[in-house]
Protein backbone atom coordinates (compact mmCIF):
# COMPACT_ATOMS: atom_id res chain seq x y z
CA MET A 1 126.65 99.26 85.39
CA ARG A 2 125.26 100.47 88.69
CA TYR A 3 122.82 97.60 89.17
CA ASN A 4 123.18 93.97 90.14
CA THR A 5 122.76 91.64 87.22
CA LEU A 6 122.29 88.15 88.63
CA THR A 7 122.92 86.13 91.73
CA VAL A 8 122.09 82.45 91.30
CA LEU A 9 122.75 79.66 93.75
CA PRO A 10 123.48 76.26 92.16
CA PHE A 11 120.12 74.60 92.82
CA VAL A 12 121.05 71.01 92.10
CA ALA A 13 124.34 70.98 93.95
CA LEU A 14 123.16 72.88 97.02
CA LEU A 15 119.58 71.77 97.30
CA GLY A 16 119.58 68.44 95.54
CA LYS A 17 116.35 69.31 93.74
CA SER A 18 115.37 68.91 90.12
CA LEU A 19 115.24 72.12 88.14
CA ALA A 20 111.72 71.09 87.13
CA THR A 21 110.57 71.54 90.73
CA PRO A 22 109.90 75.11 91.82
CA VAL A 23 112.02 76.22 94.75
CA LYS A 24 110.05 77.85 97.55
CA ARG A 25 112.23 80.92 97.94
CA SER A 26 113.82 83.08 95.31
CA GLN A 27 117.29 81.86 94.43
CA VAL A 28 117.81 84.64 91.95
CA ASN A 29 117.96 88.30 92.78
CA GLY A 30 118.66 91.62 91.17
CA ILE A 31 118.08 92.33 87.49
CA THR A 32 118.46 89.24 85.34
CA SER A 33 117.79 88.01 81.83
CA ASP A 34 118.07 84.35 82.87
CA ALA A 35 114.50 83.30 82.22
CA ALA A 36 115.09 79.61 82.86
CA THR A 37 116.45 80.16 86.35
CA PHE A 38 113.77 82.74 87.13
CA ALA A 39 111.08 80.24 86.13
CA GLN A 40 112.50 77.65 88.52
CA CYS A 41 111.78 79.93 91.45
CA SER A 42 108.54 80.26 93.32
CA PHE A 43 107.78 83.79 94.51
CA ASP A 44 105.23 84.99 97.01
CA TYR A 45 104.25 87.79 94.63
CA VAL A 46 104.72 87.82 90.89
CA ILE A 47 104.38 91.35 89.49
CA VAL A 48 103.80 91.62 85.76
CA GLY A 49 105.31 94.89 84.57
CA GLY A 50 108.43 96.63 85.85
CA GLY A 51 107.10 100.09 85.13
CA THR A 52 105.88 103.03 87.17
CA ALA A 53 103.56 101.13 89.52
CA GLY A 54 105.17 97.70 89.40
CA LEU A 55 108.51 98.81 90.77
CA VAL A 56 106.86 100.79 93.57
CA LEU A 57 105.17 97.58 94.63
CA ALA A 58 108.36 95.55 94.28
CA ALA A 59 110.29 97.96 96.51
CA ARG A 60 107.58 98.27 99.14
CA LEU A 61 106.65 94.59 99.39
CA THR A 62 110.27 93.47 99.73
CA GLU A 63 110.74 95.77 102.73
CA ASP A 64 109.61 92.61 104.53
CA SER A 65 112.59 90.29 104.20
CA THR A 66 110.36 87.22 104.57
CA VAL A 67 108.46 88.12 101.39
CA SER A 68 109.81 87.24 97.94
CA VAL A 69 108.89 89.16 94.80
CA GLY A 70 109.53 88.38 91.16
CA VAL A 71 108.94 91.02 88.48
CA ILE A 72 108.49 90.24 84.79
CA GLU A 73 109.41 93.12 82.48
CA ALA A 74 109.32 93.04 78.69
CA GLY A 75 111.88 95.81 78.25
CA GLU A 76 115.48 96.23 79.31
CA PRO A 77 117.31 98.49 81.79
CA ARG A 78 118.19 101.89 80.33
CA PHE A 79 120.20 103.29 83.22
CA ASP A 80 122.78 105.97 82.42
CA ASP A 81 121.14 106.57 79.05
CA LEU A 82 120.96 110.21 77.95
CA ASN A 83 117.63 109.60 76.21
CA VAL A 84 116.16 108.65 79.57
CA ASP A 85 118.16 110.63 82.13
CA THR A 86 118.57 114.01 80.44
CA PRO A 87 115.45 116.18 80.85
CA ALA A 88 115.92 118.24 77.68
CA TYR A 89 116.03 115.03 75.65
CA LEU A 90 112.33 114.60 76.37
CA GLY A 91 110.67 112.95 73.40
CA GLN A 92 113.88 111.71 71.80
CA ALA A 93 113.12 108.08 72.69
CA LEU A 94 109.60 108.12 71.26
CA PHE A 95 109.03 105.57 68.46
CA ASN A 96 112.32 103.83 69.23
CA PRO A 97 111.44 100.19 70.02
CA LEU A 98 114.35 100.01 72.44
CA TYR A 99 112.32 102.29 74.72
CA ASP A 100 108.78 102.38 73.38
CA TRP A 101 106.01 99.83 72.71
CA VAL A 102 104.96 101.97 69.70
CA TYR A 103 101.29 101.08 69.78
CA GLU A 104 98.69 102.62 67.53
CA THR A 105 94.94 102.82 67.55
CA VAL A 106 92.62 101.12 65.12
CA PRO A 107 91.56 103.48 62.32
CA GLN A 108 89.38 106.16 63.89
CA THR A 109 86.17 106.83 61.98
CA THR A 110 85.98 110.28 63.57
CA LEU A 111 89.45 111.07 62.21
CA ASN A 112 88.76 110.10 58.58
CA GLY A 113 90.13 106.62 59.18
CA ARG A 114 93.44 107.79 60.63
CA SER A 115 95.26 105.65 63.19
CA VAL A 116 96.95 107.48 66.06
CA PRO A 117 100.34 106.42 67.50
CA LEU A 118 100.40 105.67 71.22
CA ASN A 119 103.78 105.69 72.96
CA LEU A 120 104.28 103.73 76.18
CA GLY A 121 107.53 102.98 77.94
CA LYS A 122 109.04 99.55 77.30
CA MET A 123 111.97 99.42 79.71
CA ILE A 124 112.71 99.26 83.41
CA GLY A 125 110.60 102.09 84.78
CA GLY A 126 108.07 101.94 81.96
CA SER A 127 106.51 105.25 81.03
CA SER A 128 108.06 106.99 84.03
CA ALA A 129 111.31 106.67 82.03
CA LEU A 130 109.74 107.91 78.79
CA ASN A 131 107.31 110.66 79.79
CA PHE A 132 107.88 114.41 79.88
CA MET A 133 108.47 114.40 83.66
CA ILE A 134 105.58 116.74 84.52
CA TRP A 135 104.69 116.20 88.16
CA GLN A 136 101.32 117.32 89.45
CA ARG A 137 98.26 116.15 91.31
CA GLY A 138 94.73 116.49 90.03
CA SER A 139 92.14 118.67 91.70
CA GLN A 140 90.31 117.40 94.76
CA GLY A 141 87.14 117.00 92.71
CA ASP A 142 88.90 114.63 90.31
CA TYR A 143 89.40 112.02 93.00
CA ASP A 144 86.25 112.72 94.99
CA ASN A 145 84.32 111.91 91.82
CA TRP A 146 85.61 108.35 92.05
CA SER A 147 83.92 107.84 95.39
CA GLN A 148 80.63 109.00 93.81
CA LEU A 149 80.70 105.92 91.58
CA GLY A 150 80.14 103.47 94.41
CA ILE A 151 83.86 103.02 95.11
CA ASP A 152 84.81 102.84 98.78
CA GLY A 153 88.14 102.18 100.49
CA GLY A 154 89.50 105.70 100.48
CA TRP A 155 89.76 106.18 96.72
CA ASP A 156 89.25 109.92 97.00
CA TRP A 157 91.32 113.04 97.66
CA ALA A 158 91.66 112.46 101.39
CA GLY A 159 92.54 108.80 100.90
CA LEU A 160 95.19 109.44 98.24
CA LEU A 161 96.82 112.58 99.65
CA PRO A 162 99.10 110.69 102.12
CA TYR A 163 100.38 108.59 99.23
CA PHE A 164 101.15 111.57 97.02
CA GLU A 165 103.29 112.80 99.89
CA LYS A 166 104.83 109.37 100.52
CA THR A 167 106.18 108.99 97.00
CA GLU A 168 107.80 112.41 96.60
CA ASN A 169 110.75 114.39 97.92
CA VAL A 170 110.07 117.95 96.82
CA THR A 171 112.72 120.65 96.58
CA SER A 172 110.94 123.99 96.39
CA GLY A 173 111.67 126.20 93.42
CA PRO A 174 113.55 129.50 93.28
CA LEU A 175 111.64 132.68 94.03
CA ASP A 176 113.19 134.45 91.05
CA THR A 177 111.40 132.93 88.04
CA PRO A 178 109.80 134.37 84.91
CA TYR A 179 106.41 133.85 86.56
CA ASN A 180 107.08 136.44 89.29
CA PHE A 181 104.99 134.61 91.87
CA THR A 182 105.25 135.89 95.43
CA GLU A 183 105.99 132.47 96.93
CA ARG A 184 108.25 129.62 96.00
CA ALA A 185 106.69 126.80 94.02
CA GLY A 186 106.55 123.61 96.04
CA SER A 187 106.60 125.36 99.41
CA GLY A 188 102.93 124.82 100.27
CA ILE A 189 101.49 122.57 102.95
CA GLY A 190 101.19 118.92 101.94
CA GLU A 191 104.34 118.50 99.88
CA GLY A 192 106.23 115.29 100.53
CA ASN A 193 109.86 115.62 101.61
CA SER A 194 111.12 112.10 102.22
CA GLY A 195 109.87 109.92 99.37
CA PRO A 196 111.94 108.10 96.73
CA ILE A 197 111.02 110.35 93.79
CA ALA A 198 113.00 113.57 93.85
CA VAL A 199 110.83 116.40 92.54
CA SER A 200 112.10 119.87 91.68
CA TYR A 201 111.49 123.02 89.67
CA ASN A 202 113.45 124.32 86.72
CA ASN A 203 116.71 126.08 87.43
CA PHE A 204 116.74 127.25 83.83
CA TYR A 205 114.02 129.05 81.89
CA SER A 206 114.16 130.11 78.29
CA THR A 207 113.76 133.70 77.17
CA LEU A 208 110.15 132.90 76.28
CA GLU A 209 108.44 131.56 79.42
CA GLY A 210 108.11 135.05 80.91
CA PRO A 211 106.45 136.67 77.88
CA TYR A 212 104.19 133.64 77.48
CA ALA A 213 103.07 133.85 81.12
CA GLN A 214 102.48 137.61 80.92
CA SER A 215 100.37 137.24 77.77
CA LEU A 216 98.32 134.44 79.32
CA LEU A 217 97.71 136.40 82.52
CA SER A 218 96.65 139.40 80.44
CA LEU A 219 93.81 137.27 79.04
CA GLY A 220 92.36 136.99 82.53
CA VAL A 221 93.91 133.67 83.55
CA PRO A 222 94.72 133.67 87.29
CA GLU A 223 98.06 132.57 88.65
CA ASN A 224 98.23 129.56 90.96
CA ALA A 225 101.32 129.38 93.15
CA ASP A 226 100.22 126.13 94.85
CA PRO A 227 98.47 123.76 92.42
CA ASP A 228 99.10 120.76 94.71
CA ASN A 229 96.53 121.98 97.24
CA GLY A 230 93.57 120.39 95.47
CA ASP A 231 92.93 123.15 92.92
CA THR A 232 94.91 122.99 89.67
CA THR A 233 93.16 125.82 87.86
CA GLY A 234 95.19 128.77 86.63
CA LEU A 235 98.79 129.23 85.47
CA PHE A 236 101.52 127.63 87.52
CA ASN A 237 105.19 126.80 87.50
CA SER A 238 105.06 123.03 87.14
CA ALA A 239 107.20 120.64 89.11
CA ALA A 240 109.10 117.87 87.37
CA SER A 241 110.40 114.44 88.33
CA VAL A 242 113.99 115.70 88.18
CA ASP A 243 116.63 115.42 90.89
CA VAL A 244 118.07 118.86 91.63
CA GLN A 245 121.26 117.20 92.87
CA THR A 246 122.01 115.47 89.57
CA GLY A 247 119.91 117.33 87.03
CA ASN A 248 118.58 113.94 85.86
CA ARG A 249 115.15 112.41 85.50
CA THR A 250 113.86 110.51 88.50
CA TYR A 251 111.71 107.48 87.83
CA SER A 252 110.66 104.19 89.36
CA GLY A 253 113.59 102.26 87.91
CA ARG A 254 116.26 104.54 89.31
CA ASN A 255 114.55 105.68 92.48
CA TYR A 256 112.51 102.70 93.67
CA LEU A 257 114.38 99.75 92.16
CA LEU A 258 118.08 100.63 92.17
CA PRO A 259 118.35 101.45 95.91
CA ASN A 260 116.79 98.06 96.67
CA VAL A 261 118.02 95.92 93.80
CA GLY A 262 120.47 94.04 96.06
CA ARG A 263 117.75 92.63 98.28
CA PRO A 264 117.94 88.83 98.24
CA ASN A 265 114.14 88.61 98.09
CA LEU A 266 113.71 90.68 94.90
CA ALA A 267 114.30 89.52 91.32
CA VAL A 268 113.50 91.43 88.14
CA LEU A 269 113.47 89.47 84.91
CA VAL A 270 113.98 91.64 81.82
CA GLY A 271 113.35 90.87 78.17
CA ALA A 272 110.38 88.66 79.04
CA GLN A 273 106.75 89.20 78.10
CA ALA A 274 103.92 87.77 80.18
CA THR A 275 101.44 85.84 78.03
CA LYS A 276 98.87 84.36 80.41
CA ILE A 277 97.90 84.08 84.06
CA GLN A 278 97.41 80.55 85.33
CA PHE A 279 94.43 79.78 87.56
CA ASN A 280 93.26 76.99 89.79
CA GLN A 281 89.47 76.68 89.87
CA ASP A 282 88.04 74.53 92.61
CA GLY A 283 84.66 76.18 92.88
CA GLY A 284 84.25 79.72 94.11
CA ASN A 285 86.72 82.36 93.04
CA ALA A 286 89.61 81.48 90.75
CA THR A 287 93.07 81.44 92.35
CA ALA A 288 96.03 82.72 90.36
CA THR A 289 98.90 80.26 90.69
CA GLY A 290 101.47 81.64 88.29
CA VAL A 291 102.29 83.51 85.12
CA GLN A 292 103.27 82.18 81.73
CA PHE A 293 105.82 84.27 79.86
CA ALA A 294 107.95 84.22 76.74
CA SER A 295 111.63 85.06 76.55
CA SER A 296 113.88 84.72 73.50
CA GLY A 297 111.34 82.51 71.78
CA THR A 298 110.92 80.08 74.69
CA ASN A 299 107.83 79.77 76.90
CA TYR A 300 108.10 79.49 80.66
CA THR A 301 105.91 79.53 83.75
CA VAL A 302 106.75 81.03 87.14
CA SER A 303 104.76 80.20 90.27
CA ALA A 304 103.14 82.68 92.65
CA ASP A 305 102.41 81.44 96.16
CA LYS A 306 100.35 84.41 97.31
CA GLU A 307 99.36 86.79 94.53
CA VAL A 308 99.79 87.80 90.93
CA ILE A 309 99.73 91.57 90.35
CA LEU A 310 99.23 93.15 86.93
CA SER A 311 100.98 96.49 86.50
CA THR A 312 101.18 96.66 82.74
CA GLY A 313 99.04 99.75 82.11
CA SER A 314 95.75 100.49 80.41
CA ILE A 315 96.70 98.74 77.15
CA ARG A 316 98.43 95.55 78.24
CA THR A 317 96.43 94.83 81.41
CA PRO A 318 93.05 94.22 79.71
CA GLN A 319 94.85 92.24 77.01
CA LEU A 320 96.36 89.91 79.61
CA LEU A 321 93.08 89.57 81.44
CA GLU A 322 91.30 88.50 78.26
CA LEU A 323 94.08 86.13 77.20
CA SER A 324 93.74 84.54 80.65
CA GLY A 325 89.98 84.04 80.42
CA ILE A 326 88.70 87.16 82.18
CA GLY A 327 86.46 89.31 80.04
CA ASP A 328 83.35 89.35 77.92
CA GLU A 329 82.05 85.79 77.60
CA ALA A 330 81.03 86.06 73.96
CA ARG A 331 84.34 87.63 72.93
CA LEU A 332 86.42 85.00 74.71
CA SER A 333 84.31 82.09 73.51
CA ALA A 334 84.57 83.26 69.91
CA LEU A 335 88.36 83.01 70.26
CA GLY A 336 88.20 79.61 71.94
CA ILE A 337 89.45 80.94 75.28
CA PRO A 338 87.95 79.15 78.30
CA VAL A 339 86.06 81.64 80.44
CA VAL A 340 87.43 81.96 83.97
CA VAL A 341 85.47 85.09 84.93
CA ALA A 342 82.77 86.59 82.75
CA ASN A 343 82.95 90.38 82.95
CA SER A 344 82.02 92.47 79.93
CA ASP A 345 83.55 95.59 81.49
CA VAL A 346 87.12 94.36 80.98
CA GLY A 347 88.79 96.55 78.38
CA GLU A 348 85.98 99.07 78.29
CA ASN A 349 85.91 102.66 79.62
CA LEU A 350 89.19 103.67 77.91
CA GLN A 351 89.81 107.39 78.36
CA ASP A 352 92.70 109.48 77.10
CA HIS A 353 93.57 113.16 77.07
CA GLN A 354 93.33 114.49 73.52
CA THR A 355 96.10 116.75 72.29
CA LEU A 356 96.67 119.38 69.65
CA ASN A 357 100.12 120.90 69.19
CA SER A 358 100.43 124.32 67.55
CA GLY A 359 103.84 125.47 66.26
CA PHE A 360 104.93 129.10 65.87
CA LEU A 361 107.96 130.55 64.11
CA LEU A 362 110.10 132.93 66.14
CA VAL A 363 111.24 136.32 64.92
CA ASP A 364 114.77 135.78 66.20
CA PRO A 365 116.40 132.55 64.98
CA ASP A 366 119.10 132.92 67.63
CA ILE A 367 116.87 132.63 70.71
CA PRO A 368 117.97 129.37 72.33
CA THR A 369 115.35 126.63 72.38
CA ILE A 370 115.51 122.88 72.96
CA ASP A 371 116.18 122.50 69.26
CA THR A 372 119.32 124.63 69.57
CA LEU A 373 120.82 121.79 71.62
CA PHE A 374 120.61 119.64 68.49
CA SER A 375 121.39 122.22 65.80
CA ASN A 376 124.19 124.29 67.37
CA ALA A 377 127.17 122.19 68.39
CA SER A 378 129.04 124.91 70.28
CA PHE A 379 125.97 125.94 72.25
CA ALA A 380 125.25 122.30 73.06
CA ALA A 381 128.84 121.72 74.21
CA THR A 382 128.70 124.71 76.57
CA GLN A 383 125.38 123.59 78.00
CA MET A 384 126.54 119.99 78.35
CA GLU A 385 129.60 121.10 80.32
CA GLN A 386 127.33 123.07 82.65
CA TYR A 387 124.97 120.11 82.95
CA LEU A 388 127.76 117.70 83.83
CA THR A 389 129.59 120.14 86.11
CA ASP A 390 126.87 121.63 88.28
CA HIS A 391 123.73 119.88 86.94
CA THR A 392 122.04 123.05 85.73
CA GLY A 393 121.34 124.75 82.43
CA PHE A 394 119.29 124.00 79.34
CA PHE A 395 119.84 120.24 79.49
CA THR A 396 117.80 120.20 82.73
CA TYR A 397 114.89 122.02 81.07
CA THR A 398 111.36 120.63 81.28
CA PRO A 399 108.05 122.25 80.30
CA SER A 400 107.05 124.40 83.28
CA ALA A 401 104.39 126.80 81.97
CA LEU A 402 101.21 124.83 82.57
CA SER A 403 97.70 126.14 82.98
CA PHE A 404 94.32 124.49 83.51
CA HIS A 405 91.07 126.23 82.74
CA PRO A 406 87.35 125.97 83.44
CA LEU A 407 85.54 126.48 80.16
CA GLN A 408 83.94 129.67 81.47
CA GLN A 409 87.37 131.28 81.16
CA PHE A 410 87.19 131.24 77.36
CA TRP A 411 83.58 130.38 76.47
CA THR A 412 80.59 132.69 76.61
CA ASP A 413 77.52 131.48 78.52
CA ASP A 414 75.64 131.03 75.25
CA GLU A 415 78.48 129.01 73.73
CA LEU A 416 78.67 126.74 76.75
CA ASP A 417 74.90 126.27 77.01
CA ALA A 418 74.66 125.34 73.32
CA ALA A 419 77.60 122.93 73.56
CA LEU A 420 76.16 121.19 76.63
CA ALA A 421 72.74 120.88 75.04
CA GLN A 422 74.26 119.20 72.00
CA LEU A 423 76.36 116.97 74.23
CA GLN A 424 73.36 115.76 76.20
CA THR A 425 71.50 115.00 72.99
CA GLU A 426 74.43 112.92 71.72
CA ILE A 427 74.74 111.09 75.05
CA ALA A 428 71.05 110.17 74.96
CA GLN A 429 71.46 108.81 71.43
CA ALA A 430 74.57 106.82 72.42
CA ASN A 431 72.72 104.63 74.94
CA VAL A 432 75.70 104.43 77.30
CA SER A 433 75.95 102.11 80.32
CA SER A 434 74.81 103.24 83.76
CA PHE A 435 78.46 103.43 84.86
CA ILE A 436 79.37 105.77 82.02
CA SER A 437 76.14 107.71 82.50
CA LYS A 438 77.07 108.43 86.13
CA GLN A 439 80.51 109.59 85.00
CA PHE A 440 79.01 111.89 82.39
CA GLN A 441 76.69 113.47 84.93
CA LEU A 442 79.60 114.15 87.27
CA GLN A 443 81.54 115.68 84.38
CA ILE A 444 78.63 117.88 83.31
CA ASP A 445 78.05 119.02 86.89
CA GLY A 446 81.73 119.97 87.12
CA ILE A 447 81.58 121.92 83.86
CA LYS A 448 78.56 123.89 84.99
CA GLN A 449 80.07 124.69 88.38
CA GLY A 450 83.19 126.05 86.68
CA LEU A 451 85.42 124.95 89.55
CA VAL A 452 87.51 122.29 87.81
CA ALA A 453 89.62 122.45 84.68
CA GLN A 454 88.40 121.13 81.35
CA MET A 455 91.24 122.44 79.19
CA GLU A 456 95.03 122.46 79.57
CA LEU A 457 97.54 124.75 77.88
CA LEU A 458 101.26 124.01 77.82
CA PHE A 459 104.21 125.96 76.47
CA VAL A 460 107.48 124.43 75.29
CA ALA A 461 110.52 126.39 74.15
CA GLY A 462 111.12 124.20 71.15
CA VAL A 463 109.51 121.25 69.43
CA LEU A 464 108.40 118.26 71.46
CA GLY A 465 110.44 115.20 70.61
CA ALA A 466 112.13 116.56 67.49
CA SER A 467 114.78 118.99 66.34
CA SER A 468 113.94 121.88 64.03
CA ASN A 469 115.84 122.64 60.85
CA ASP A 470 118.91 124.80 61.11
CA GLN A 471 117.42 127.87 59.47
CA GLN A 472 114.33 128.38 61.60
CA ASN A 473 113.44 128.48 65.25
CA PHE A 474 110.05 127.83 66.70
CA VAL A 475 108.04 126.91 69.78
CA ASP A 476 105.09 124.68 70.62
CA MET A 477 101.92 125.73 72.38
CA SER A 478 99.73 122.72 73.05
CA ASN A 479 96.13 122.47 74.16
CA PHE A 480 94.45 119.44 75.63
CA ALA A 481 90.93 118.24 76.35
CA SER A 482 91.44 117.45 80.05
CA ARG A 483 88.17 115.67 80.79
CA PRO A 484 87.00 114.19 77.49
CA PHE A 485 83.67 112.42 77.15
CA SER A 486 85.00 110.00 74.52
CA ARG A 487 85.10 106.42 75.79
CA GLY A 488 86.98 103.73 73.91
CA SER A 489 88.13 100.18 74.48
CA VAL A 490 91.04 97.73 74.36
CA HIS A 491 90.34 94.14 73.31
CA ILE A 492 92.12 91.16 71.83
CA ASN A 493 91.14 89.76 68.45
CA THR A 494 93.57 86.83 68.49
CA THR A 495 94.93 84.31 70.96
CA ASP A 496 98.48 85.25 69.96
CA PRO A 497 99.76 86.82 73.20
CA LEU A 498 102.53 88.71 71.41
CA ALA A 499 100.17 90.42 68.98
CA TYR A 500 99.07 93.93 69.86
CA PRO A 501 95.48 94.36 71.02
CA GLN A 502 92.85 96.37 69.19
CA ILE A 503 92.99 99.85 70.73
CA ASP A 504 90.04 102.11 69.99
CA THR A 505 90.45 105.45 71.73
CA ALA A 506 87.25 106.78 70.10
CA TYR A 507 88.80 110.23 69.84
CA LEU A 508 86.24 113.02 69.22
CA GLN A 509 83.39 110.58 69.76
CA TYR A 510 81.39 113.50 71.09
CA THR A 511 81.27 116.91 69.43
CA PHE A 512 81.97 118.53 72.80
CA ASP A 513 85.52 117.13 72.91
CA LYS A 514 86.19 118.59 69.47
CA GLN A 515 84.77 121.95 70.53
CA VAL A 516 87.14 122.07 73.51
CA LEU A 517 90.11 121.52 71.20
CA ILE A 518 88.85 124.09 68.69
CA LYS A 519 88.54 126.67 71.44
CA GLY A 520 92.01 125.79 72.71
CA ALA A 521 93.45 126.25 69.23
CA HIS A 522 91.89 129.70 69.05
CA VAL A 523 93.33 130.54 72.46
CA THR A 524 96.87 129.55 71.49
CA ARG A 525 96.57 131.56 68.28
CA ASN A 526 95.32 134.53 70.29
CA LEU A 527 98.20 134.14 72.73
CA SER A 528 100.70 134.30 69.88
CA GLN A 529 99.20 137.65 68.91
CA THR A 530 99.11 139.08 72.44
CA ALA A 531 101.97 141.20 73.81
CA PRO A 532 104.56 140.66 75.05
CA LEU A 533 104.69 137.16 73.51
CA SER A 534 103.67 138.55 70.12
CA ASN A 535 106.95 140.48 70.00
CA PHE A 536 108.77 137.14 69.70
CA ILE A 537 106.40 135.34 67.31
CA SER A 538 106.82 135.71 63.56
CA SER A 539 103.87 133.64 62.35
CA PRO A 540 101.93 130.45 62.92
CA LEU A 541 103.55 127.39 61.41
CA ASN A 542 101.16 124.50 62.08
CA PRO A 543 98.32 125.16 61.73
CA SER A 544 99.17 127.85 59.21
CA ALA A 545 97.99 131.44 59.27
CA ASN A 546 95.31 130.46 56.72
CA VAL A 547 93.56 128.40 59.40
CA THR A 548 91.32 130.91 61.15
CA THR A 549 87.68 129.77 61.44
CA ASP A 550 86.10 127.09 63.60
CA GLN A 551 85.69 124.92 60.52
CA ASP A 552 89.34 125.44 59.55
CA PHE A 553 90.50 124.40 63.00
CA GLU A 554 88.11 121.45 63.06
CA ASN A 555 89.55 120.15 59.79
CA TYR A 556 93.07 120.58 61.14
CA ILE A 557 92.20 118.83 64.41
CA ILE A 558 90.74 115.81 62.61
CA GLU A 559 94.02 115.39 60.75
CA ASN A 560 96.33 116.11 63.69
CA VAL A 561 94.76 115.39 67.09
CA GLY A 562 96.81 112.94 69.10
CA THR A 563 97.40 111.50 72.54
CA GLU A 564 98.77 113.03 75.72
CA TRP A 565 99.81 109.47 76.69
CA HIS A 566 97.37 109.31 79.60
CA GLN A 567 95.25 106.22 78.93
CA VAL A 568 93.17 105.14 81.94
CA GLY A 569 90.11 103.14 82.90
CA THR A 570 90.22 99.74 81.16
CA ALA A 571 90.27 97.65 84.38
CA SER A 572 88.33 100.11 86.44
CA LEU A 573 87.57 100.33 90.10
CA GLY A 574 83.82 100.11 90.59
CA PRO A 575 80.97 97.79 91.56
CA PHE A 576 80.86 94.43 89.76
CA GLY A 577 78.33 94.44 86.95
CA GLU A 578 78.23 98.23 86.97
CA GLY A 579 81.54 99.02 85.27
CA GLY A 580 83.96 97.57 87.78
CA VAL A 581 86.76 95.12 87.01
CA VAL A 582 88.50 95.42 90.39
CA ALA A 583 87.13 95.91 93.89
CA SER A 584 88.35 98.60 96.27
CA ASP A 585 91.22 96.30 97.34
CA LEU A 586 92.21 96.08 93.64
CA ILE A 587 91.47 92.36 93.47
CA VAL A 588 89.94 91.36 90.15
CA TYR A 589 86.34 90.31 90.61
CA GLY A 590 85.89 86.56 90.47
CA THR A 591 89.44 85.86 91.67
CA SER A 592 90.89 85.53 95.14
CA ASN A 593 94.42 86.81 94.58
CA LEU A 594 94.83 88.59 91.25
CA ARG A 595 95.21 92.36 91.58
CA VAL A 596 95.62 95.21 89.15
CA VAL A 597 97.77 98.16 90.14
CA ASP A 598 98.25 100.68 87.35
CA ALA A 599 96.41 103.50 85.54
CA SER A 600 93.80 101.10 84.19
CA VAL A 601 92.03 101.08 87.57
CA MET A 602 91.32 104.83 87.41
CA PRO A 603 87.56 104.98 86.73
CA MET A 604 87.53 108.57 85.49
CA GLN A 605 90.14 110.73 83.85
CA ILE A 606 91.65 113.51 85.92
CA GLY A 607 92.38 117.05 84.79
CA ALA A 608 96.12 116.61 85.26
CA HIS A 609 99.13 114.68 84.04
CA ILE A 610 98.71 111.25 85.58
CA GLN A 611 102.26 110.27 86.60
CA ALA A 612 102.04 111.33 90.26
CA THR A 613 98.60 109.75 90.58
CA VAL A 614 99.88 106.38 89.35
CA TYR A 615 102.67 106.51 91.94
CA ALA A 616 100.11 107.34 94.66
CA ILE A 617 97.88 104.46 93.55
CA ALA A 618 100.84 102.09 93.76
CA GLU A 619 101.86 103.32 97.20
CA LYS A 620 98.31 102.90 98.47
CA ALA A 621 98.11 99.46 96.88
CA ALA A 622 101.30 98.39 98.64
CA ASP A 623 99.74 99.22 102.01
CA ILE A 624 96.54 97.36 101.05
CA ILE A 625 98.53 94.27 100.10
CA LYS A 626 100.67 94.39 103.24
CA ALA A 627 97.57 94.68 105.41
CA ALA A 628 96.14 91.55 103.76
CA GLN A 629 99.21 89.40 104.43
């Protein structure tokens, strides 16, 4: 292994102290599964969650050698694992409990009672080790909208831009790509070049990216050679969290933790699940004093001298808050949980990008796709040799053909006017909170202006997360509702801390979200019939060629819509009593030293893949915490 496993000083012999008495400084460091020894330590900061954000914080806070940090992570290290490291294996670890929490929603009434699987990383690095490695920022308007919700402290484009740059080390892409842009991707102003996360562009493109791009451009979609400049609209060659030097995925575990894992002031406990935050209440705000956790069937408590930081994501963070007495008073009281802070906004405001994948059979079964790596042993062996020798080839492939679209690109004025009128009627009938109402108005304003994307299209040379059968070859074209109006929730319904919470994504809560997906399905079908891509497509697979009308596509969407794995908003930034769970310094309202640093603090969804934004939030949070020391 390339990581330290455990360094433990003999407490009793060297210090003459009982193991029941917390030791002031960490006497364990590196990655460890020794829960008993970890619990005997007292850390300045206890971070719950060794995922995307948590390991950024751990690395940045321990830059100060006088500060000790303990991280509690439910998963295990998966270093040097092909399912994590190899880009073309994207999706292979989904639904495997060694890597994935494998959540699912409650039955969705809007989906005929269907529950939807939700995959989140359960390992060192969290979802940054499980995701599809797409690396992009949102548009400027995405983040500036946050500041329109009464959120100060630089939670806007200008305030986050330095942290996007701080986290990344971008290698610009080749000029010779199927997209035929006149400038190299990643060569614009504002790209980071010294951060921990190596970011690069594909060195390998399938036979199909070029025809796909040409067909999309022929429909009037503009090209965008620099989507990191605050405008993501148009077709672009997407960056990926892949190291051009190794051809491997870069993620918080490998790139933030491993270089710093030997620090004596940093310990990461694996295989342990946090179950409750402990508080001291002496009047005024509650003070977090430690974290209870379970490991191998035994319960422990570790002390935090300065702060407890939750970095467990939009599903686990509200669950832990409620288990610890922070949430809706009636809900907690009904479960017999003493109320520490009454805040009915905990677990609310859940937002997720909604996804529809469309599969198409290829005319030529011999065109190499991702699936060929799993169905053709000789081809796979040749590509693996190239991957291991010079870190190039199909095994380094990630989806690169991304495009984001204002609705005006595909909707007529009459269609858009009618859809917005129906949306506003449904919003009025829903009686939403003032916080959500403000969000909706910002979203509607953005739709009307036509300056920000509402729909995403993505092309993959193969099938996401699966291998096709040996006799056929096909590709995926996916469309996404980038700024959905649906708002769901995450809440506990039991005091069992190991039980999964009730996740209600409320998919297709508003007709407008469904209409965006229907239009996207029509667009992908149209693309498959537009030259030059049509020369490579034999026929639609799913949905089938018999699905042609709006009603046909609606029926298919109800049975097949899923997640883009971008849940946000359940412990939102915002004013207390008006939607907020955390203040601008990310401290949970009603507490003095409990912070949340993960995607749950994002008050509104962005029209982009959220990975880079979560890293930027964590980098900004680290500076906030350091400034408060």
